Amino acid sequence: MVEALKVTRRTALGKSSVKKLRSEGFVPAVMYGKGEETTPVQLDEENLKEYLETGGRVADIVLDGKEFKAVVKDVQHDIFTDEVLHLDFQLVSLTEKIVLPVTVVLAGELQFPPDKGTLEQLLTEVEVKCLPKDTPEEVRVNISALEPGDFVHVSDIKLPGAVAMVTPGEEAVATVRRPVVEEEEAPAEEAEEAAEPEVIGEHEKKEKEKESK
């Protein structure tokens, strides 16, 4: 696991310079917040990938021998290769609570056949508030008890005591969609027969007129 992300000050600011920077295996980024000036930086791409794979939200940043605590924000990816193109580091204090998104993971298995209902995840992240050291890497929601038509809401998510939920509790996290049942249509011939009124034959009509005289 990457203990800290070492960054260096970046002088490559133009589009062509940044492109050359990426070709050399570096990722451009900026650091800002906590009274510090916005600082363009760069870091090793492999070092960053290793860190991001851990799912961490709060990073230790080392710049010029000085260590900072930062939230990894606004990661920009190439839409074709998923390569990290740029990211922001927002500096935070270890003693101040922060609000940040945390990934929602659905755990468990539905206890009925797939043809009875389909699980659909409606929310992939929630926002929580806590000290940087208490930031969870993810929150897990057990869906094993869900029945067709059921919902899991944000209010159902259990968090550690040091972490507070910011996302409204009424928002739905996941649901089990019931299968769509299509009504069977009556055969065309039956439908036409049902639609036509009964017509009394001409012969029967005359007989009835004779009987009435």
C-alpha atoms as a PDB file:
ATOM      1  CA  MET A   1       0.000   0.000   0.000  1.00  0.00           C
ATOM      2  CA  VAL A   2       1.221   3.515  -0.798  1.00  0.00           C
ATOM      3  CA  GLU A   3       1.941   5.324   2.479  1.00  0.00           C
ATOM      4  CA  ALA A   4       2.289   8.769   0.905  1.00  0.00           C
ATOM      5  CA  LEU A   5       2.129  10.428  -2.476  1.00  0.00           C
ATOM      6  CA  LYS A   6       5.309  12.324  -3.300  1.00  0.00           C
ATOM      7  CA  VAL A   7       4.693  15.288  -5.573  1.00  0.00           C
ATOM      8  CA  THR A   8       6.962  17.898  -7.090  1.00  0.00           C
ATOM      9  CA  ARG A   9       6.211  21.413  -8.247  1.00  0.00           C
ATOM     10  CA  ARG A  10       5.091  21.579 -11.864  1.00  0.00           C
ATOM     11  CA  THR A  11       6.345  24.089 -14.396  1.00  0.00           C
ATOM     12  CA  ALA A  12       4.653  22.420 -17.405  1.00  0.00           C
ATOM     13  CA  LEU A  13       1.488  24.506 -17.688  1.00  0.00           C
ATOM     14  CA  GLY A  14       0.744  24.743 -21.403  1.00  0.00           C
ATOM     15  CA  LYS A  15      -1.285  22.126 -23.284  1.00  0.00           C
ATOM     16  CA  SER A  16       1.709  20.776 -25.228  1.00  0.00           C
ATOM     17  CA  SER A  17       3.921  20.790 -22.113  1.00  0.00           C
ATOM     18  CA  VAL A  18       1.309  18.842 -20.113  1.00  0.00           C
ATOM     19  CA  LYS A  19       0.965  16.330 -22.944  1.00  0.00           C
ATOM     20  CA  LYS A  20       4.730  15.777 -22.914  1.00  0.00           C
ATOM     21  CA  LEU A  21       4.568  15.404 -19.136  1.00  0.00           C
ATOM     22  CA  ARG A  22       2.028  12.597 -19.417  1.00  0.00           C
ATOM     23  CA  SER A  23       4.105  10.836 -22.092  1.00  0.00           C
ATOM     24  CA  GLU A  24       6.964  10.721 -19.577  1.00  0.00           C
ATOM     25  CA  GLY A  25       4.816   8.900 -17.004  1.00  0.00           C
ATOM     26  CA  PHE A  26       3.710  11.810 -14.835  1.00  0.00           C
ATOM     27  CA  VAL A  27       0.218  13.071 -13.947  1.00  0.00           C
ATOM     28  CA  PRO A  28      -0.477  16.814 -13.590  1.00  0.00           C
ATOM     29  CA  ALA A  29      -2.394  17.955 -10.515  1.00  0.00           C
ATOM     30  CA  VAL A  30      -3.053  20.975  -8.293  1.00  0.00           C
ATOM     31  CA  MET A  31      -3.051  21.446  -4.527  1.00  0.00           C
ATOM     32  CA  TYR A  32      -5.204  24.073  -2.820  1.00  0.00           C
ATOM     33  CA  GLY A  33      -6.934  24.966   0.438  1.00  0.00           C
ATOM     34  CA  LYS A  34      -6.113  25.564   4.135  1.00  0.00           C
ATOM     35  CA  GLY A  35      -4.521  28.940   3.489  1.00  0.00           C
ATOM     36  CA  GLU A  36      -2.030  27.550   0.985  1.00  0.00           C
ATOM     37  CA  GLU A  37      -1.663  29.040  -2.478  1.00  0.00           C
ATOM     38  CA  THR A  38      -2.924  26.923  -5.361  1.00  0.00           C
ATOM     39  CA  THR A  39       0.139  24.967  -6.415  1.00  0.00           C
ATOM     40  CA  PRO A  40       0.549  23.093  -9.720  1.00  0.00           C
ATOM     41  CA  VAL A  41       2.238  19.754  -9.015  1.00  0.00           C
ATOM     42  CA  GLN A  42       3.045  16.492 -10.735  1.00  0.00           C
ATOM     43  CA  LEU A  43       3.412  12.919  -9.505  1.00  0.00           C
ATOM     44  CA  ASP A  44       4.418   9.514 -10.760  1.00  0.00           C
ATOM     45  CA  GLU A  45       1.587   7.788 -12.630  1.00  0.00           C
ATOM     46  CA  GLU A  46       2.304   4.305 -11.237  1.00  0.00           C
ATOM     47  CA  ASN A  47       2.505   5.664  -7.707  1.00  0.00           C
ATOM     48  CA  LEU A  48      -0.865   7.345  -8.158  1.00  0.00           C
ATOM     49  CA  LYS A  49      -2.529   4.249  -9.681  1.00  0.00           C
ATOM     50  CA  GLU A  50      -1.374   2.134  -6.767  1.00  0.00           C
ATOM     51  CA  TYR A  51      -2.863   4.634  -4.348  1.00  0.00           C
ATOM     52  CA  LEU A  52      -6.194   5.013  -6.168  1.00  0.00           C
ATOM     53  CA  GLU A  53      -6.623   1.227  -6.279  1.00  0.00           C
ATOM     54  CA  THR A  54      -6.791   1.222  -2.478  1.00  0.00           C
ATOM     55  CA  GLY A  55     -10.012   3.240  -2.685  1.00  0.00           C
ATOM     56  CA  GLY A  56      -8.707   5.812  -0.239  1.00  0.00           C
ATOM     57  CA  ARG A  57     -10.233   9.282  -0.160  1.00  0.00           C
ATOM     58  CA  VAL A  58      -7.713  11.039   2.083  1.00  0.00           C
ATOM     59  CA  ALA A  59      -4.064  11.097   1.010  1.00  0.00           C
ATOM     60  CA  ASP A  60      -0.784  12.020   2.625  1.00  0.00           C
ATOM     61  CA  ILE A  61       1.000  14.393   0.244  1.00  0.00           C
ATOM     62  CA  VAL A  62       4.713  15.138   0.525  1.00  0.00           C
ATOM     63  CA  LEU A  63       5.922  18.319  -1.186  1.00  0.00           C
ATOM     64  CA  ASP A  64       9.394  19.815  -0.625  1.00  0.00           C
ATOM     65  CA  GLY A  65       9.824  17.574   2.404  1.00  0.00           C
ATOM     66  CA  LYS A  66       6.640  18.892   4.035  1.00  0.00           C
ATOM     67  CA  GLU A  67       3.650  16.571   4.611  1.00  0.00           C
ATOM     68  CA  PHE A  68       0.049  17.581   3.952  1.00  0.00           C
ATOM     69  CA  LYS A  69      -3.277  15.828   4.397  1.00  0.00           C
ATOM     70  CA  ALA A  70      -5.522  16.124   1.341  1.00  0.00           C
ATOM     71  CA  VAL A  71      -8.755  14.834  -0.139  1.00  0.00           C
ATOM     72  CA  VAL A  72      -8.436  13.443  -3.658  1.00  0.00           C
ATOM     73  CA  LYS A  73     -11.053  15.275  -5.731  1.00  0.00           C
ATOM     74  CA  ASP A  74     -12.103  15.803  -9.337  1.00  0.00           C
ATOM     75  CA  VAL A  75     -10.146  12.959 -10.911  1.00  0.00           C
ATOM     76  CA  GLN A  76     -10.309  13.375 -14.701  1.00  0.00           C
ATOM     77  CA  HIS A  77     -10.044  10.229 -16.831  1.00  0.00           C
ATOM     78  CA  ASP A  78      -9.551   9.718 -20.547  1.00  0.00           C
ATOM     79  CA  ILE A  79     -12.950   8.551 -21.844  1.00  0.00           C
ATOM     80  CA  PHE A  80     -11.344   5.912 -24.061  1.00  0.00           C
ATOM     81  CA  THR A  81      -8.414   4.546 -22.043  1.00  0.00           C
ATOM     82  CA  ASP A  82      -9.505   5.476 -18.471  1.00  0.00           C
ATOM     83  CA  GLU A  83      -6.040   6.987 -18.027  1.00  0.00           C
ATOM     84  CA  VAL A  84      -5.867   9.624 -15.271  1.00  0.00           C
ATOM     85  CA  LEU A  85      -5.389  12.992 -16.971  1.00  0.00           C
ATOM     86  CA  HIS A  86      -5.527  15.378 -14.033  1.00  0.00           C
ATOM     87  CA  LEU A  87      -6.657  15.572 -10.433  1.00  0.00           C
ATOM     88  CA  ASP A  88      -7.130  18.021  -7.593  1.00  0.00           C
ATOM     89  CA  PHE A  89      -5.860  17.693  -4.030  1.00  0.00           C
ATOM     90  CA  GLN A  90      -7.892  19.695  -1.515  1.00  0.00           C
ATOM     91  CA  LEU A  91      -5.841  20.232   1.639  1.00  0.00           C
ATOM     92  CA  VAL A  92      -7.617  19.463   4.915  1.00  0.00           C
ATOM     93  CA  SER A  93      -6.917  19.660   8.644  1.00  0.00           C
ATOM     94  CA  LEU A  94      -6.646  16.559  10.829  1.00  0.00           C
ATOM     95  CA  THR A  95      -8.707  18.286  13.513  1.00  0.00           C
ATOM     96  CA  GLU A  96     -11.561  19.578  11.307  1.00  0.00           C
ATOM     97  CA  LYS A  97     -14.433  17.496   9.993  1.00  0.00           C
ATOM     98  CA  ILE A  98     -14.859  17.336   6.225  1.00  0.00           C
ATOM     99  CA  VAL A  99     -17.688  16.373   3.879  1.00  0.00           C
ATOM    100  CA  LEU A 100     -16.792  13.966   1.103  1.00  0.00           C
ATOM    101  CA  PRO A 101     -18.337  11.216  -1.031  1.00  0.00           C
ATOM    102  CA  VAL A 102     -17.986   7.540  -0.104  1.00  0.00           C
ATOM    103  CA  THR A 103     -18.685   4.591  -2.404  1.00  0.00           C
ATOM    104  CA  VAL A 104     -21.763   2.440  -1.701  1.00  0.00           C
ATOM    105  CA  VAL A 105     -21.250  -1.307  -2.113  1.00  0.00           C
ATOM    106  CA  LEU A 106     -24.190  -3.728  -2.267  1.00  0.00           C
ATOM    107  CA  ALA A 107     -23.435  -6.928  -0.355  1.00  0.00           C
ATOM    108  CA  GLY A 108     -25.228 -10.276  -0.129  1.00  0.00           C
ATOM    109  CA  GLU A 109     -27.485 -12.146  -2.538  1.00  0.00           C
ATOM    110  CA  LEU A 110     -31.194 -12.048  -3.271  1.00  0.00           C
ATOM    111  CA  GLN A 111     -33.062 -15.056  -1.900  1.00  0.00           C
ATOM    112  CA  PHE A 112     -35.314 -15.721  -4.890  1.00  0.00           C
ATOM    113  CA  PRO A 113     -34.934 -16.653  -8.579  1.00  0.00           C
ATOM    114  CA  PRO A 114     -33.918 -13.917 -11.054  1.00  0.00           C
ATOM    115  CA  ASP A 115     -37.267 -14.157 -12.859  1.00  0.00           C
ATOM    116  CA  LYS A 116     -39.021 -12.903  -9.692  1.00  0.00           C
ATOM    117  CA  GLY A 117     -37.201  -9.557  -9.578  1.00  0.00           C
ATOM    118  CA  THR A 118     -34.080  -7.658 -10.626  1.00  0.00           C
ATOM    119  CA  LEU A 119     -31.742  -5.760  -8.296  1.00  0.00           C
ATOM    120  CA  GLU A 120     -31.054  -2.169  -9.352  1.00  0.00           C
ATOM    121  CA  GLN A 121     -28.557   0.140  -7.642  1.00  0.00           C
ATOM    122  CA  LEU A 122     -29.839   3.719  -7.683  1.00  0.00           C
ATOM    123  CA  LEU A 123     -27.081   5.426  -5.685  1.00  0.00           C
ATOM    124  CA  THR A 124     -23.370   4.619  -6.000  1.00  0.00           C
ATOM    125  CA  GLU A 125     -22.085   7.253  -3.552  1.00  0.00           C
ATOM    126  CA  VAL A 126     -23.239   9.024  -0.407  1.00  0.00           C
ATOM    127  CA  GLU A 127     -21.767  12.065   1.321  1.00  0.00           C
ATOM    128  CA  VAL A 128     -20.565  11.761   4.915  1.00  0.00           C
ATOM    129  CA  LYS A 129     -19.020  14.156   7.419  1.00  0.00           C
ATOM    130  CA  CYS A 130     -16.165  13.178   9.713  1.00  0.00           C
ATOM    131  CA  LEU A 131     -12.545  13.777  10.640  1.00  0.00           C
ATOM    132  CA  PRO A 132     -10.091  12.754   7.896  1.00  0.00           C
ATOM    133  CA  LYS A 133      -8.773   9.843   9.988  1.00  0.00           C
ATOM    134  CA  ASP A 134     -12.300   8.428  10.366  1.00  0.00           C
ATOM    135  CA  THR A 135     -13.176   8.481   6.659  1.00  0.00           C
ATOM    136  CA  PRO A 136     -14.528   5.060   5.594  1.00  0.00           C
ATOM    137  CA  GLU A 137     -13.223   3.645   2.310  1.00  0.00           C
ATOM    138  CA  GLU A 138     -16.764   2.443   1.508  1.00  0.00           C
ATOM    139  CA  VAL A 139     -20.158   1.757   3.066  1.00  0.00           C
ATOM    140  CA  ARG A 140     -21.773  -1.658   2.586  1.00  0.00           C
ATOM    141  CA  VAL A 141     -25.499  -2.342   2.302  1.00  0.00           C
ATOM    142  CA  ASN A 142     -26.810  -5.889   2.747  1.00  0.00           C
ATOM    143  CA  ILE A 143     -29.561  -6.650   0.229  1.00  0.00           C
ATOM    144  CA  SER A 144     -30.150 -10.317   1.182  1.00  0.00           C
ATOM    145  CA  ALA A 145     -33.477  -9.616   2.913  1.00  0.00           C
ATOM    146  CA  LEU A 146     -35.007  -7.641   0.023  1.00  0.00           C
ATOM    147  CA  GLU A 147     -38.184  -8.891  -1.641  1.00  0.00           C
ATOM    148  CA  PRO A 148     -39.561  -7.836  -5.050  1.00  0.00           C
ATOM    149  CA  GLY A 149     -40.754  -4.241  -4.773  1.00  0.00           C
ATOM    150  CA  ASP A 150     -38.602  -3.436  -1.710  1.00  0.00           C
ATOM    151  CA  PHE A 151     -36.270  -0.440  -1.429  1.00  0.00           C
ATOM    152  CA  VAL A 152     -33.139   0.299   0.601  1.00  0.00           C
ATOM    153  CA  HIS A 153     -32.834   3.939   1.643  1.00  0.00           C
ATOM    154  CA  VAL A 154     -29.912   6.030   2.827  1.00  0.00           C
ATOM    155  CA  SER A 155     -31.448   5.972   6.307  1.00  0.00           C
ATOM    156  CA  ASP A 156     -30.893   2.185   6.355  1.00  0.00           C
ATOM    157  CA  ILE A 157     -27.099   2.567   6.064  1.00  0.00           C
ATOM    158  CA  LYS A 158     -25.218   1.915   9.303  1.00  0.00           C
ATOM    159  CA  LEU A 159     -22.212   4.180   9.929  1.00  0.00           C
ATOM    160  CA  PRO A 160     -19.577   4.231  12.674  1.00  0.00           C
ATOM    161  CA  GLY A 161     -20.343   6.626  15.520  1.00  0.00           C
ATOM    162  CA  ALA A 162     -17.674   9.101  14.409  1.00  0.00           C
ATOM    163  CA  VAL A 163     -19.201   9.413  10.926  1.00  0.00           C
ATOM    164  CA  ALA A 164     -22.398  11.361  10.138  1.00  0.00           C
ATOM    165  CA  MET A 165     -24.525  10.976   7.033  1.00  0.00           C
ATOM    166  CA  VAL A 166     -25.027  14.102   4.926  1.00  0.00           C
ATOM    167  CA  THR A 167     -27.058  12.625   2.037  1.00  0.00           C
ATOM    168  CA  PRO A 168     -30.826  12.848   2.809  1.00  0.00           C
ATOM    169  CA  GLY A 169     -32.140   9.669   4.419  1.00  0.00           C
ATOM    170  CA  GLU A 170     -35.148   9.370   2.102  1.00  0.00           C
ATOM    171  CA  GLU A 171     -33.003   8.878  -0.997  1.00  0.00           C
ATOM    172  CA  ALA A 172     -33.221   5.328  -2.387  1.00  0.00           C
ATOM    173  CA  VAL A 173     -29.982   3.358  -2.633  1.00  0.00           C
ATOM    174  CA  ALA A 174     -31.305   0.205  -4.308  1.00  0.00           C
ATOM    175  CA  THR A 175     -34.528  -1.573  -5.207  1.00  0.00           C
ATOM    176  CA  VAL A 176     -35.745  -4.890  -6.557  1.00  0.00           C
ATOM    177  CA  ARG A 177     -37.774  -4.324  -9.699  1.00  0.00           C
ATOM    178  CA  ARG A 178     -40.685  -6.665 -10.252  1.00  0.00           C
ATOM    179  CA  PRO A 179     -40.821  -8.270 -13.704  1.00  0.00           C
ATOM    180  CA  VAL A 180     -43.104  -6.516 -16.194  1.00  0.00           C
ATOM    181  CA  VAL A 181     -46.161  -8.673 -16.907  1.00  0.00           C
ATOM    182  CA  GLU A 182     -47.737  -8.026 -20.293  1.00  0.00           C
ATOM    183  CA  GLU A 183     -51.488  -8.609 -20.651  1.00  0.00           C
ATOM    184  CA  GLU A 184     -52.427 -11.242 -23.192  1.00  0.00           C
ATOM    185  CA  GLU A 185     -54.408  -9.876 -26.115  1.00  0.00           C
ATOM    186  CA  ALA A 186     -57.528 -11.704 -27.235  1.00  0.00           C
ATOM    187  CA  PRO A 187     -57.341 -13.294 -30.706  1.00  0.00           C
ATOM    188  CA  ALA A 188     -58.439 -10.901 -33.453  1.00  0.00           C
ATOM    189  CA  GLU A 189     -61.413 -13.102 -34.504  1.00  0.00           C
ATOM    190  CA  GLU A 190     -62.776 -13.271 -30.947  1.00  0.00           C
ATOM    191  CA  ALA A 191     -62.389  -9.528 -30.540  1.00  0.00           C
ATOM    192  CA  GLU A 192     -64.331  -8.847 -33.741  1.00  0.00           C
ATOM    193  CA  GLU A 193     -67.138 -11.221 -32.740  1.00  0.00           C
ATOM    194  CA  ALA A 194     -67.418  -9.583 -29.344  1.00  0.00           C
ATOM    195  CA  ALA A 195     -67.596  -6.147 -30.930  1.00  0.00           C
ATOM    196  CA  GLU A 196     -70.372  -6.975 -33.430  1.00  0.00           C
ATOM    197  CA  PRO A 197     -74.008  -6.615 -32.149  1.00  0.00           C
ATOM    198  CA  GLU A 198     -76.312  -9.573 -32.645  1.00  0.00           C
ATOM    199  CA  VAL A 199     -78.518  -9.037 -35.711  1.00  0.00           C
ATOM    200  CA  ILE A 200     -81.890 -10.772 -35.977  1.00  0.00           C
ATOM    201  CA  GLY A 201     -82.311 -12.433 -39.366  1.00  0.00           C
ATOM    202  CA  GLU A 202     -84.988 -11.081 -41.744  1.00  0.00           C
ATOM    203  CA  HIS A 203     -86.919 -14.396 -41.690  1.00  0.00           C
ATOM    204  CA  GLU A 204     -86.967 -14.541 -37.899  1.00  0.00           C
ATOM    205  CA  LYS A 205     -88.127 -10.948 -37.809  1.00  0.00           C
ATOM    206  CA  LYS A 206     -91.174 -11.669 -40.027  1.00  0.00           C
ATOM    207  CA  GLU A 207     -92.142 -14.737 -37.962  1.00  0.00           C
ATOM    208  CA  LYS A 208     -92.087 -12.664 -34.804  1.00  0.00           C
ATOM    209  CA  GLU A 209     -94.318 -10.027 -36.464  1.00  0.00           C
ATOM    210  CA  LYS A 210     -96.886 -12.738 -37.443  1.00  0.00           C
ATOM    211  CA  GLU A 211     -97.013 -14.110 -33.917  1.00  0.00           C
ATOM    212  CA  SER A 212     -97.668 -10.692 -32.500  1.00  0.00           C
ATOM    213  CA  LYS A 213    -100.804 -10.190 -34.699  1.00  0.00           C
END
